[in-house]
PDB file of N, CA and C in Angstrom:
ATOM      1  N   MET A   1      44.448 134.233 136.206  1.00  0.00           N
ATOM      2  CA  MET A   1      44.109 133.836 137.734  1.00  0.00           C
ATOM      3  C   MET A   1      43.837 132.318 137.619  1.00  0.00           C
ATOM      4  N   LYS A   2      44.432 131.569 138.556  1.00  0.00           N
ATOM      5  CA  LYS A   2      44.215 130.132 138.656  1.00  0.00           C
ATOM      6  C   LYS A   2      42.997 129.995 139.667  1.00  0.00           C
ATOM      7  N   LEU A   3      42.175 129.165 139.249  1.00  0.00           N
ATOM      8  CA  LEU A   3      40.901 128.888 140.177  1.00  0.00           C
ATOM      9  C   LEU A   3      41.312 127.840 140.943  1.00  0.00           C
ATOM     10  N   LYS A   4      40.598 127.756 142.219  1.00  0.00           N
ATOM     11  CA  LYS A   4      40.997 126.640 143.251  1.00  0.00           C
ATOM     12  C   LYS A   4      40.177 125.355 142.963  1.00  0.00           C
ATOM     13  N   LYS A   5      40.743 124.371 143.387  1.00  0.00           N
ATOM     14  CA  LYS A   5      39.899 123.048 143.241  1.00  0.00           C
ATOM     15  C   LYS A   5      39.289 122.677 144.548  1.00  0.00           C
ATOM     16  N   LEU A   6      38.423 121.909 144.703  1.00  0.00           N
ATOM     17  CA  LEU A   6      37.652 121.459 145.783  1.00  0.00           C
ATOM     18  C   LEU A   6      38.456 120.227 146.382  1.00  0.00           C
ATOM     19  N   ASN A   7      38.098 119.879 147.601  1.00  0.00           N
ATOM     20  CA  ASN A   7      38.732 118.701 148.271  1.00  0.00           C
ATOM     21  C   ASN A   7      38.314 117.271 147.545  1.00  0.00           C
ATOM     22  N   HIS A   8      37.110 117.366 147.103  1.00  0.00           N
ATOM     23  CA  HIS A   8      36.528 116.169 146.435  1.00  0.00           C
ATOM     24  C   HIS A   8      36.234 116.548 145.022  1.00  0.00           C
ATOM     25  N   PRO A   9      36.678 115.859 143.904  1.00  0.00           N
ATOM     26  CA  PRO A   9      36.320 116.346 142.510  1.00  0.00           C
ATOM     27  C   PRO A   9      34.823 116.004 142.344  1.00  0.00           C
ATOM     28  N   PRO A  10      34.180 117.151 141.599  1.00  0.00           N
ATOM     29  CA  PRO A  10      32.721 116.912 141.491  1.00  0.00           C
ATOM     30  C   PRO A  10      32.368 116.032 140.422  1.00  0.00           C
ATOM     31  N   LYS A  11      31.343 115.287 140.195  1.00  0.00           N
ATOM     32  CA  LYS A  11      30.949 114.345 139.074  1.00  0.00           C
ATOM     33  C   LYS A  11      30.540 115.094 137.906  1.00  0.00           C
ATOM     34  N   ASN A  12      29.814 116.348 138.082  1.00  0.00           N
ATOM     35  CA  ASN A  12      29.311 117.147 136.930  1.00  0.00           C
ATOM     36  C   ASN A  12      29.094 118.528 137.484  1.00  0.00           C
ATOM     37  N   PRO A  13      28.707 119.407 136.651  1.00  0.00           N
ATOM     38  CA  PRO A  13      28.399 120.837 136.983  1.00  0.00           C
ATOM     39  C   PRO A  13      27.411 121.039 138.113  1.00  0.00           C
ATOM     40  N   LYS A  14      26.412 120.330 137.937  1.00  0.00           N
ATOM     41  CA  LYS A  14      25.249 120.361 138.944  1.00  0.00           C
ATOM     42  C   LYS A  14      25.939 119.840 140.529  1.00  0.00           C
ATOM     43  N   HIS A  15      26.550 118.879 140.471  1.00  0.00           N
ATOM     44  CA  HIS A  15      27.266 118.639 141.682  1.00  0.00           C
ATOM     45  C   HIS A  15      28.295 119.599 142.225  1.00  0.00           C
ATOM     46  N   PHE A  16      28.881 120.086 141.350  1.00  0.00           N
ATOM     47  CA  PHE A  16      29.864 121.223 141.762  1.00  0.00           C
ATOM     48  C   PHE A  16      29.107 122.410 142.308  1.00  0.00           C
ATOM     49  N   LEU A  17      27.996 122.859 141.794  1.00  0.00           N
ATOM     50  CA  LEU A  17      27.555 123.954 142.391  1.00  0.00           C
ATOM     51  C   LEU A  17      26.716 123.552 143.554  1.00  0.00           C
ATOM     52  N   ASN A  18      26.308 122.282 143.832  1.00  0.00           N
ATOM     53  CA  ASN A  18      25.647 122.019 145.209  1.00  0.00           C
ATOM     54  C   ASN A  18      26.855 122.025 146.182  1.00  0.00           C
ATOM     55  N   ILE A  19      27.992 121.530 145.693  1.00  0.00           N
ATOM     56  CA  ILE A  19      29.092 121.676 146.782  1.00  0.00           C
ATOM     57  C   ILE A  19      29.466 123.116 147.166  1.00  0.00           C
ATOM     58  N   MET A  20      29.371 124.021 146.019  1.00  0.00           N
ATOM     59  CA  MET A  20      29.752 125.309 146.345  1.00  0.00           C
ATOM     60  C   MET A  20      28.589 125.981 147.253  1.00  0.00           C
ATOM     61  N   PHE A  21      27.166 125.802 147.105  1.00  0.00           N
ATOM     62  CA  PHE A  21      26.280 126.303 147.821  1.00  0.00           C
ATOM     63  C   PHE A  21      26.471 125.754 149.389  1.00  0.00           C
ATOM     64  N   SER A  22      26.699 124.479 149.498  1.00  0.00           N
ATOM     65  CA  SER A  22      26.801 123.964 150.822  1.00  0.00           C
ATOM     66  C   SER A  22      27.979 124.578 151.498  1.00  0.00           C
ATOM     67  N   LYS A  23      29.152 124.929 150.751  1.00  0.00           N
ATOM     68  CA  LYS A  23      30.302 125.516 151.391  1.00  0.00           C
ATOM     69  C   LYS A  23      30.031 126.862 151.693  1.00  0.00           C
ATOM     70  N   MET A  24      29.197 127.707 150.984  1.00  0.00           N
ATOM     71  CA  MET A  24      28.826 129.148 151.255  1.00  0.00           C
ATOM     72  C   MET A  24      28.068 129.172 152.572  1.00  0.00           C
ATOM     73  N   LYS A  25      27.245 128.073 152.982  1.00  0.00           N
ATOM     74  CA  LYS A  25      26.641 128.120 154.349  1.00  0.00           C
ATOM     75  C   LYS A  25      27.625 128.327 155.374  1.00  0.00           C
ATOM     76  N   THR A  26      28.869 127.801 155.434  1.00  0.00           N
ATOM     77  CA  THR A  26      29.790 127.913 156.360  1.00  0.00           C
ATOM     78  C   THR A  26      30.920 128.970 156.295  1.00  0.00           C
ATOM     79  N   ASP A  27      31.144 129.354 155.056  1.00  0.00           N
ATOM     80  CA  ASP A  27      32.013 130.383 154.709  1.00  0.00           C
ATOM     81  C   ASP A  27      31.543 131.422 153.842  1.00  0.00           C
ATOM     82  N   LEU A  28      31.106 132.503 154.537  1.00  0.00           N
ATOM     83  CA  LEU A  28      30.267 133.608 153.899  1.00  0.00           C
ATOM     84  C   LEU A  28      31.330 134.423 152.896  1.00  0.00           C
ATOM     85  N   SER A  29      32.557 134.407 153.086  1.00  0.00           N
ATOM     86  CA  SER A  29      33.555 135.016 152.303  1.00  0.00           C
ATOM     87  C   SER A  29      33.474 134.610 150.872  1.00  0.00           C
ATOM     88  N   ILE A  30      33.162 133.426 150.437  1.00  0.00           N
ATOM     89  CA  ILE A  30      32.912 132.832 149.183  1.00  0.00           C
ATOM     90  C   ILE A  30      32.095 133.906 148.346  1.00  0.00           C
ATOM     91  N   LYS A  31      30.892 134.214 148.908  1.00  0.00           N
ATOM     92  CA  LYS A  31      30.108 135.147 148.268  1.00  0.00           C
ATOM     93  C   LYS A  31      30.797 136.326 147.619  1.00  0.00           C
ATOM     94  N   GLU A  32      31.740 136.989 148.504  1.00  0.00           N
ATOM     95  CA  GLU A  32      32.291 138.181 148.163  1.00  0.00           C
ATOM     96  C   GLU A  32      33.458 138.071 147.088  1.00  0.00           C
ATOM     97  N   LYS A  33      34.390 137.085 147.466  1.00  0.00           N
ATOM     98  CA  LYS A  33      35.544 136.734 146.575  1.00  0.00           C
ATOM     99  C   LYS A  33      35.518 135.345 146.285  1.00  0.00           C
ATOM    100  N   ASN A  34      35.003 134.952 145.128  1.00  0.00           N
ATOM    101  CA  ASN A  34      35.041 133.494 144.893  1.00  0.00           C
ATOM    102  C   ASN A  34      36.082 133.219 143.812  1.00  0.00           C
ATOM    103  N   ASP A  35      36.945 132.412 144.415  1.00  0.00           N
ATOM    104  CA  ASP A  35      38.076 131.773 143.821  1.00  0.00           C
ATOM    105  C   ASP A  35      37.828 130.379 142.979  1.00  0.00           C
ATOM    106  N   TYR A  36      36.581 129.783 143.136  1.00  0.00           N
ATOM    107  CA  TYR A  36      36.180 128.594 142.655  1.00  0.00           C
ATOM    108  C   TYR A  36      35.693 128.770 141.211  1.00  0.00           C
ATOM    109  N   LEU A  37      34.968 129.792 140.838  1.00  0.00           N
ATOM    110  CA  LEU A  37      34.349 129.881 139.513  1.00  0.00           C
ATOM    111  C   LEU A  37      34.243 131.291 139.200  1.00  0.00           C
ATOM    112  N   ARG A  38      34.117 131.333 137.846  1.00  0.00           N
ATOM    113  CA  ARG A  38      33.784 132.714 137.367  1.00  0.00           C
ATOM    114  C   ARG A  38      33.077 132.746 136.015  1.00  0.00           C
ATOM    115  N   VAL A  39      32.108 133.699 135.681  1.00  0.00           N
ATOM    116  CA  VAL A  39      31.481 133.789 134.642  1.00  0.00           C
ATOM    117  C   VAL A  39      32.304 134.115 133.428  1.00  0.00           C
ATOM    118  N   ASP A  40      32.627 133.407 132.309  1.00  0.00           N
ATOM    119  CA  ASP A  40      33.502 133.600 131.249  1.00  0.00           C
ATOM    120  C   ASP A  40      32.633 134.530 130.369  1.00  0.00           C
ATOM    121  N   LYS A  41      31.440 134.139 129.708  1.00  0.00           N
ATOM    122  CA  LYS A  41      30.725 134.880 128.800  1.00  0.00           C
ATOM    123  C   LYS A  41      29.294 134.834 129.162  1.00  0.00           C
ATOM    124  N   GLU A  42      28.675 135.811 128.912  1.00  0.00           N
ATOM    125  CA  GLU A  42      27.052 135.794 128.904  1.00  0.00           C
ATOM    126  C   GLU A  42      26.659 136.090 127.645  1.00  0.00           C
ATOM    127  N   LEU A  43      25.548 135.387 127.125  1.00  0.00           N
ATOM    128  CA  LEU A  43      24.733 135.409 125.967  1.00  0.00           C
ATOM    129  C   LEU A  43      23.243 135.310 126.251  1.00  0.00           C
ATOM    130  N   MET A  44      22.648 136.260 125.785  1.00  0.00           N
ATOM    131  CA  MET A  44      21.228 136.423 125.968  1.00  0.00           C
ATOM    132  C   MET A  44      20.597 135.718 127.168  1.00  0.00           C
ATOM    133  N   ASP A  45      20.207 134.630 127.277  1.00  0.00           N
ATOM    134  CA  ASP A  45      19.593 133.942 128.442  1.00  0.00           C
ATOM    135  C   ASP A  45      20.498 132.862 128.923  1.00  0.00           C
ATOM    136  N   LYS A  46      21.691 132.715 128.771  1.00  0.00           N
ATOM    137  CA  LYS A  46      22.757 131.652 129.282  1.00  0.00           C
ATOM    138  C   LYS A  46      24.021 132.383 129.630  1.00  0.00           C
ATOM    139  N   ALA A  47      24.787 131.496 130.366  1.00  0.00           N
ATOM    140  CA  ALA A  47      26.279 132.112 130.566  1.00  0.00           C
ATOM    141  C   ALA A  47      27.108 130.860 130.688  1.00  0.00           C
ATOM    142  N   LEU A  48      28.394 131.220 130.207  1.00  0.00           N
ATOM    143  CA  LEU A  48      29.500 130.129 130.222  1.00  0.00           C
ATOM    144  C   LEU A  48      30.342 130.266 131.389  1.00  0.00           C
ATOM    145  N   VAL A  49      30.282 129.293 132.297  1.00  0.00           N
ATOM    146  CA  VAL A  49      30.999 129.306 133.589  1.00  0.00           C
ATOM    147  C   VAL A  49      32.239 128.527 133.652  1.00  0.00           C
ATOM    148  N   GLU A  50      33.282 129.185 134.137  1.00  0.00           N
ATOM    149  CA  GLU A  50      34.644 128.537 134.108  1.00  0.00           C
ATOM    150  C   GLU A  50      34.934 128.098 135.612  1.00  0.00           C
ATOM    151  N   CYS A  51      35.416 126.905 135.724  1.00  0.00           N
ATOM    152  CA  CYS A  51      35.887 126.592 137.141  1.00  0.00           C
ATOM    153  C   CYS A  51      37.308 125.793 136.904  1.00  0.00           C
ATOM    154  N   ALA A  52      37.767 125.127 137.863  1.00  0.00           N
ATOM    155  CA  ALA A  52      38.903 124.455 137.803  1.00  0.00           C
ATOM    156  C   ALA A  52      38.867 123.197 136.918  1.00  0.00           C
ATOM    157  N   TYR A  53      37.808 122.512 136.889  1.00  0.00           N
ATOM    158  CA  TYR A  53      37.336 121.291 136.107  1.00  0.00           C
ATOM    159  C   TYR A  53      37.033 121.489 134.738  1.00  0.00           C
ATOM    160  N   GLY A  54      36.765 122.732 134.267  1.00  0.00           N
ATOM    161  CA  GLY A  54      36.549 122.992 132.993  1.00  0.00           C
ATOM    162  C   GLY A  54      35.433 124.016 132.770  1.00  0.00           C
ATOM    163  N   PHE A  55      34.688 124.013 131.557  1.00  0.00           N
ATOM    164  CA  PHE A  55      33.673 125.002 131.347  1.00  0.00           C
ATOM    165  C   PHE A  55      32.242 124.225 131.357  1.00  0.00           C
ATOM    166  N   PHE A  56      31.134 125.076 131.709  1.00  0.00           N
ATOM    167  CA  PHE A  56      29.856 124.398 131.576  1.00  0.00           C
ATOM    168  C   PHE A  56      28.981 125.623 131.362  1.00  0.00           C
ATOM    169  N   TRP A  57      27.802 125.262 130.513  1.00  0.00           N
ATOM    170  CA  TRP A  57      26.785 126.127 130.414  1.00  0.00           C
ATOM    171  C   TRP A  57      25.566 126.248 131.425  1.00  0.00           C
ATOM    172  N   ILE A  58      25.123 127.294 131.883  1.00  0.00           N
ATOM    173  CA  ILE A  58      23.871 127.233 132.567  1.00  0.00           C
ATOM    174  C   ILE A  58      23.040 128.557 132.190  1.00  0.00           C
ATOM    175  N   SER A  59      21.579 128.200 132.257  1.00  0.00           N
ATOM    176  CA  SER A  59      20.642 129.378 131.762  1.00  0.00           C
ATOM    177  C   SER A  59      20.353 130.336 132.964  1.00  0.00           C
ATOM    178  N   LYS A  60      20.087 131.436 132.624  1.00  0.00           N
ATOM    179  CA  LYS A  60      19.805 132.420 133.823  1.00  0.00           C
ATOM    180  C   LYS A  60      18.746 132.032 134.536  1.00  0.00           C
ATOM    181  N   ASP A  61      17.826 131.237 134.259  1.00  0.00           N
ATOM    182  CA  ASP A  61      16.782 130.712 135.092  1.00  0.00           C
ATOM    183  C   ASP A  61      17.184 129.485 135.914  1.00  0.00           C
ATOM    184  N   ARG A  62      18.627 129.298 136.040  1.00  0.00           N
ATOM    185  CA  ARG A  62      19.213 128.344 136.959  1.00  0.00           C
ATOM    186  C   ARG A  62      18.866 126.882 136.471  1.00  0.00           C
ATOM    187  N   THR A  63      18.664 126.664 135.256  1.00  0.00           N
ATOM    188  CA  THR A  63      18.629 125.245 134.741  1.00  0.00           C
ATOM    189  C   THR A  63      20.055 124.908 134.039  1.00  0.00           C
ATOM    190  N   PHE A  64      20.535 123.714 134.195  1.00  0.00           N
ATOM    191  CA  PHE A  64      21.683 123.371 133.571  1.00  0.00           C
ATOM    192  C   PHE A  64      21.591 123.007 132.175  1.00  0.00           C
ATOM    193  N   ILE A  65      22.345 123.512 131.316  1.00  0.00           N
ATOM    194  CA  ILE A  65      22.473 123.151 129.973  1.00  0.00           C
ATOM    195  C   ILE A  65      23.490 122.068 129.756  1.00  0.00           C
ATOM    196  N   SER A  66      24.587 122.204 130.358  1.00  0.00           N
ATOM    197  CA  SER A  66      25.615 121.091 130.207  1.00  0.00           C
ATOM    198  C   SER A  66      25.512 119.967 131.142  1.00  0.00           C
ATOM    199  N   LYS A  67      25.708 118.771 130.879  1.00  0.00           N
ATOM    200  CA  LYS A  67      25.484 117.601 131.457  1.00  0.00           C
ATOM    201  C   LYS A  67      26.889 117.189 132.144  1.00  0.00           C
ATOM    202  N   ASP A  68      27.809 117.823 131.621  1.00  0.00           N
ATOM    203  CA  ASP A  68      29.320 117.343 131.974  1.00  0.00           C
ATOM    204  C   ASP A  68      30.161 118.693 131.650  1.00  0.00           C
ATOM    205  N   PHE A  69      31.338 118.717 132.240  1.00  0.00           N
ATOM    206  CA  PHE A  69      32.561 119.853 132.003  1.00  0.00           C
ATOM    207  C   PHE A  69      32.856 119.537 130.564  1.00  0.00           C
ATOM    208  N   PHE A  70      33.531 120.669 129.918  1.00  0.00           N
ATOM    209  CA  PHE A  70      34.130 120.543 128.672  1.00  0.00           C
ATOM    210  C   PHE A  70      35.263 121.583 128.769  1.00  0.00           C
TER     211      PHE A  70
END
């Protein structure tokens, strides 16, 4: 499955999720079927998230572990 890209490329994972949350305010269908990101793996208290720009780690208490995409 190919993940969609945003109109403006994000600077880092935090910026990417900020754009996604602002998009969700106008388009509620993103909550049901998200073509922009997916959780690749979950380990104890963190998750590896994949998007069109790469992968990043996020902890389950919603703090960012990754500073940049890899």
